[in-house]
């Protein structure tokens, strides 16, 4: 014995599926509309942060790292007997997509929202930097880091970054690179 569906059932199923697809379409994220103040702050942030990628790129694309080194005191005199000491180390390779992202941002004109791909990459990089800057600032003061705080944290090489100026620059460049790598992974 075969059963037949009531003629209204297929129509009801079709109506429900159309309703669900309309509901899902309504839930799709809409592009973020930036007001003039936010856009101006992000443009200024881009003008301050993107040039920092020049040094990051130099460090990221070099394969060797040369640092001041040290030598133990002489076992005979008990004093330093080495005139010059340095340490060579090999840097781990940086993902080529991250280097390409650096190139794109360095060529990008900050504030050019028509170039959506670079603007979106910068926005995601800024979000990642905000997370990292907040982590750094939490060591000294509570609260999240806004765009101005991110720019201040990344452009001022103070004791937050280390003891010597060279350490500070390397630490900061490492954070900039890590944040860009995360942004590239997020955007894919």
Protein backbone atom coordinates (compact mmCIF):
# COMPACT_ATOMS: atom_id res chain seq x y z
CA UNK A 1 0.00 0.00 0.00
CA UNK A 2 1.56 3.31 -1.03
CA UNK A 3 0.98 6.46 0.91
CA UNK A 4 0.52 9.79 -0.75
CA UNK A 5 1.43 13.08 0.78
CA UNK A 6 -1.25 15.60 1.26
CA UNK A 7 -0.93 18.26 -1.50
CA UNK A 8 -0.29 20.98 1.09
CA UNK A 9 2.76 19.25 2.63
CA UNK A 10 5.24 19.87 -0.27
CA UNK A 11 4.09 23.49 -0.43
CA UNK A 12 4.62 23.85 3.33
CA UNK A 13 8.10 22.33 3.11
CA UNK A 14 8.97 24.69 0.26
CA UNK A 15 7.67 27.69 2.25
CA UNK A 16 9.70 26.72 5.30
CA UNK A 17 12.89 26.25 3.24
CA UNK A 18 12.41 29.65 1.56
CA UNK A 19 11.81 31.24 4.96
CA UNK A 20 14.97 29.65 6.37
CA UNK A 21 17.09 30.78 3.42
CA UNK A 22 15.74 34.33 3.73
CA UNK A 23 16.46 34.26 7.48
CA UNK A 24 19.99 32.99 6.87
CA UNK A 25 20.59 35.66 4.22
CA UNK A 26 19.42 38.32 6.67
CA UNK A 27 21.96 37.03 9.22
CA UNK A 28 24.97 37.36 6.90
CA UNK A 29 27.44 39.90 8.26
CA UNK A 30 27.27 43.27 6.60
CA UNK A 31 30.43 45.22 5.83
CA UNK A 32 31.40 47.56 8.63
CA UNK A 33 30.51 51.14 7.82
CA UNK A 34 33.14 53.46 9.28
CA UNK A 35 32.15 56.91 10.41
CA UNK A 36 34.38 59.87 9.58
CA UNK A 37 36.09 59.92 13.00
CA UNK A 38 36.89 56.21 12.96
CA UNK A 39 38.06 56.39 9.36
CA UNK A 40 40.34 59.33 10.18
CA UNK A 41 41.79 57.50 13.21
CA UNK A 42 42.45 54.37 11.16
CA UNK A 43 44.02 56.38 8.35
CA UNK A 44 46.32 58.13 10.82
CA UNK A 45 47.14 54.76 12.40
CA UNK A 46 47.99 53.34 8.97
CA UNK A 47 50.28 56.29 8.26
CA UNK A 48 52.09 55.63 11.54
CA UNK A 49 52.18 51.83 11.54
CA UNK A 50 52.65 50.74 7.92
CA UNK A 51 56.10 52.40 7.53
CA UNK A 52 57.30 50.27 10.47
CA UNK A 53 56.97 47.29 8.14
CA UNK A 54 60.08 48.42 6.23
CA UNK A 55 62.36 47.28 9.08
CA UNK A 56 60.19 44.24 9.75
CA UNK A 57 60.56 43.19 6.13
CA UNK A 58 64.35 43.59 6.27
CA UNK A 59 64.51 41.37 9.34
CA UNK A 60 62.00 38.88 7.98
CA UNK A 61 63.71 38.40 4.64
CA UNK A 62 67.28 38.17 5.96
CA UNK A 63 68.37 34.63 6.66
CA UNK A 64 71.05 35.37 9.21
CA UNK A 65 70.88 37.21 12.50
CA UNK A 66 74.04 38.86 13.83
CA UNK A 67 74.05 39.91 17.47
CA UNK A 68 76.67 41.03 19.92
CA UNK A 69 78.02 37.99 21.63
CA UNK A 70 80.08 37.28 24.63
CA UNK A 71 82.90 35.06 25.66
CA UNK A 72 83.61 33.64 29.09
CA UNK A 73 86.55 35.12 30.98
CA UNK A 74 89.93 33.58 30.30
CA UNK A 75 90.66 30.62 32.60
CA UNK A 76 94.23 31.88 32.96
CA UNK A 77 93.70 35.55 33.75
CA UNK A 78 90.10 35.53 34.97
CA UNK A 79 89.44 38.55 32.72
CA UNK A 80 87.85 39.05 29.35
CA UNK A 81 90.48 38.27 26.74
CA UNK A 82 88.31 38.36 23.62
CA UNK A 83 88.42 41.62 21.73
CA UNK A 84 85.39 40.99 19.51
CA UNK A 85 82.61 38.46 19.94
CA UNK A 86 79.39 38.07 18.01
CA UNK A 87 76.71 35.46 17.56
CA UNK A 88 75.35 34.26 14.23
CA UNK A 89 72.05 32.48 14.10
CA UNK A 90 69.78 31.39 11.31
CA UNK A 91 66.31 32.92 11.28
CA UNK A 92 63.32 30.70 10.64
CA UNK A 93 61.78 31.39 7.23
CA UNK A 94 58.77 33.70 7.09
CA UNK A 95 55.68 32.56 5.21
CA UNK A 96 55.86 34.08 1.70
CA UNK A 97 52.20 35.13 2.00
CA UNK A 98 53.15 37.32 4.97
CA UNK A 99 56.00 38.93 3.00
CA UNK A 100 53.58 39.56 0.12
CA UNK A 101 51.10 41.10 2.57
CA UNK A 102 53.89 43.41 3.82
CA UNK A 103 54.63 44.43 0.23
CA UNK A 104 50.96 45.14 -0.44
CA UNK A 105 50.58 47.26 2.70
CA UNK A 106 53.80 49.16 1.97
CA UNK A 107 52.47 50.02 -1.52
CA UNK A 108 48.97 50.85 -0.23
CA UNK A 109 47.88 54.44 0.19
CA UNK A 110 46.46 54.70 3.73
CA UNK A 111 42.89 55.91 3.70
CA UNK A 112 42.19 54.48 0.23
CA UNK A 113 39.07 52.52 1.13
CA UNK A 114 38.49 51.80 -2.57
CA UNK A 115 41.34 49.28 -2.35
CA UNK A 116 39.21 47.02 -0.18
CA UNK A 117 41.64 44.10 -0.02
CA UNK A 118 44.45 46.20 1.47
CA UNK A 119 42.06 48.15 3.71
CA UNK A 120 40.67 44.86 5.04
CA UNK A 121 44.19 43.49 5.55
CA UNK A 122 45.19 46.63 7.44
CA UNK A 123 42.02 46.52 9.57
CA UNK A 124 42.69 42.90 10.54
CA UNK A 125 46.36 43.67 11.25
CA UNK A 126 45.27 46.59 13.42
CA UNK A 127 42.86 44.29 15.29
CA UNK A 128 45.65 41.79 15.92
CA UNK A 129 47.98 44.59 17.03
CA UNK A 130 45.28 45.83 19.38
CA UNK A 131 45.17 42.43 21.07
CA UNK A 132 48.94 42.35 21.42
CA UNK A 133 49.19 45.97 22.61
CA UNK A 134 46.47 45.31 25.18
CA UNK A 135 48.50 42.37 26.49
CA UNK A 136 51.58 44.58 26.78
CA UNK A 137 49.70 47.45 28.43
CA UNK A 138 47.99 45.15 30.93
CA UNK A 139 51.40 44.70 32.52
CA UNK A 140 51.39 48.37 33.55
CA UNK A 141 47.75 49.51 33.48
CA UNK A 142 44.34 47.86 33.17
CA UNK A 143 42.10 48.26 30.15
CA UNK A 144 41.91 47.53 26.47
CA UNK A 145 43.99 49.35 23.87
CA UNK A 146 42.17 51.53 21.34
CA UNK A 147 43.66 52.67 18.03
CA UNK A 148 45.59 55.56 19.60
CA UNK A 149 47.02 53.26 22.26
CA UNK A 150 48.12 50.76 19.58
CA UNK A 151 49.95 53.47 17.64
CA UNK A 152 51.59 54.81 20.80
CA UNK A 153 52.64 51.34 21.96
CA UNK A 154 54.09 50.32 18.60
CA UNK A 155 55.89 53.58 17.82
CA UNK A 156 57.42 54.34 21.24
CA UNK A 157 60.24 51.97 22.04
CA UNK A 158 60.25 52.23 25.83
CA UNK A 159 61.15 49.78 28.61
CA UNK A 160 58.08 47.70 27.75
CA UNK A 161 60.08 46.29 24.84
CA UNK A 162 63.34 45.46 26.64
CA UNK A 163 66.49 46.92 28.14
CA UNK A 164 68.57 47.94 25.11
CA UNK A 165 67.38 49.90 22.07
CA UNK A 166 68.34 47.00 19.79
CA UNK A 167 66.28 44.55 21.88
CA UNK A 168 63.36 46.95 21.83
CA UNK A 169 63.35 47.24 18.04
CA UNK A 170 63.63 43.47 17.60
CA UNK A 171 60.86 42.77 20.10
CA UNK A 172 58.54 45.32 18.51
CA UNK A 173 59.28 44.07 14.99
CA UNK A 174 58.54 40.53 16.16
CA UNK A 175 55.13 41.63 17.45
CA UNK A 176 54.38 43.48 14.21
CA UNK A 177 55.33 40.39 12.19
CA UNK A 178 53.34 38.00 14.39
CA UNK A 179 50.26 40.23 14.18
CA UNK A 180 50.54 40.41 10.39
CA UNK A 181 50.94 36.63 10.16
CA UNK A 182 47.76 36.21 12.24
CA UNK A 183 45.94 38.73 10.05
CA UNK A 184 46.97 36.85 6.90
CA UNK A 185 45.74 33.56 8.42
CA UNK A 186 42.45 35.14 9.44
CA UNK A 187 41.73 36.70 6.05
CA UNK A 188 42.82 33.81 3.76
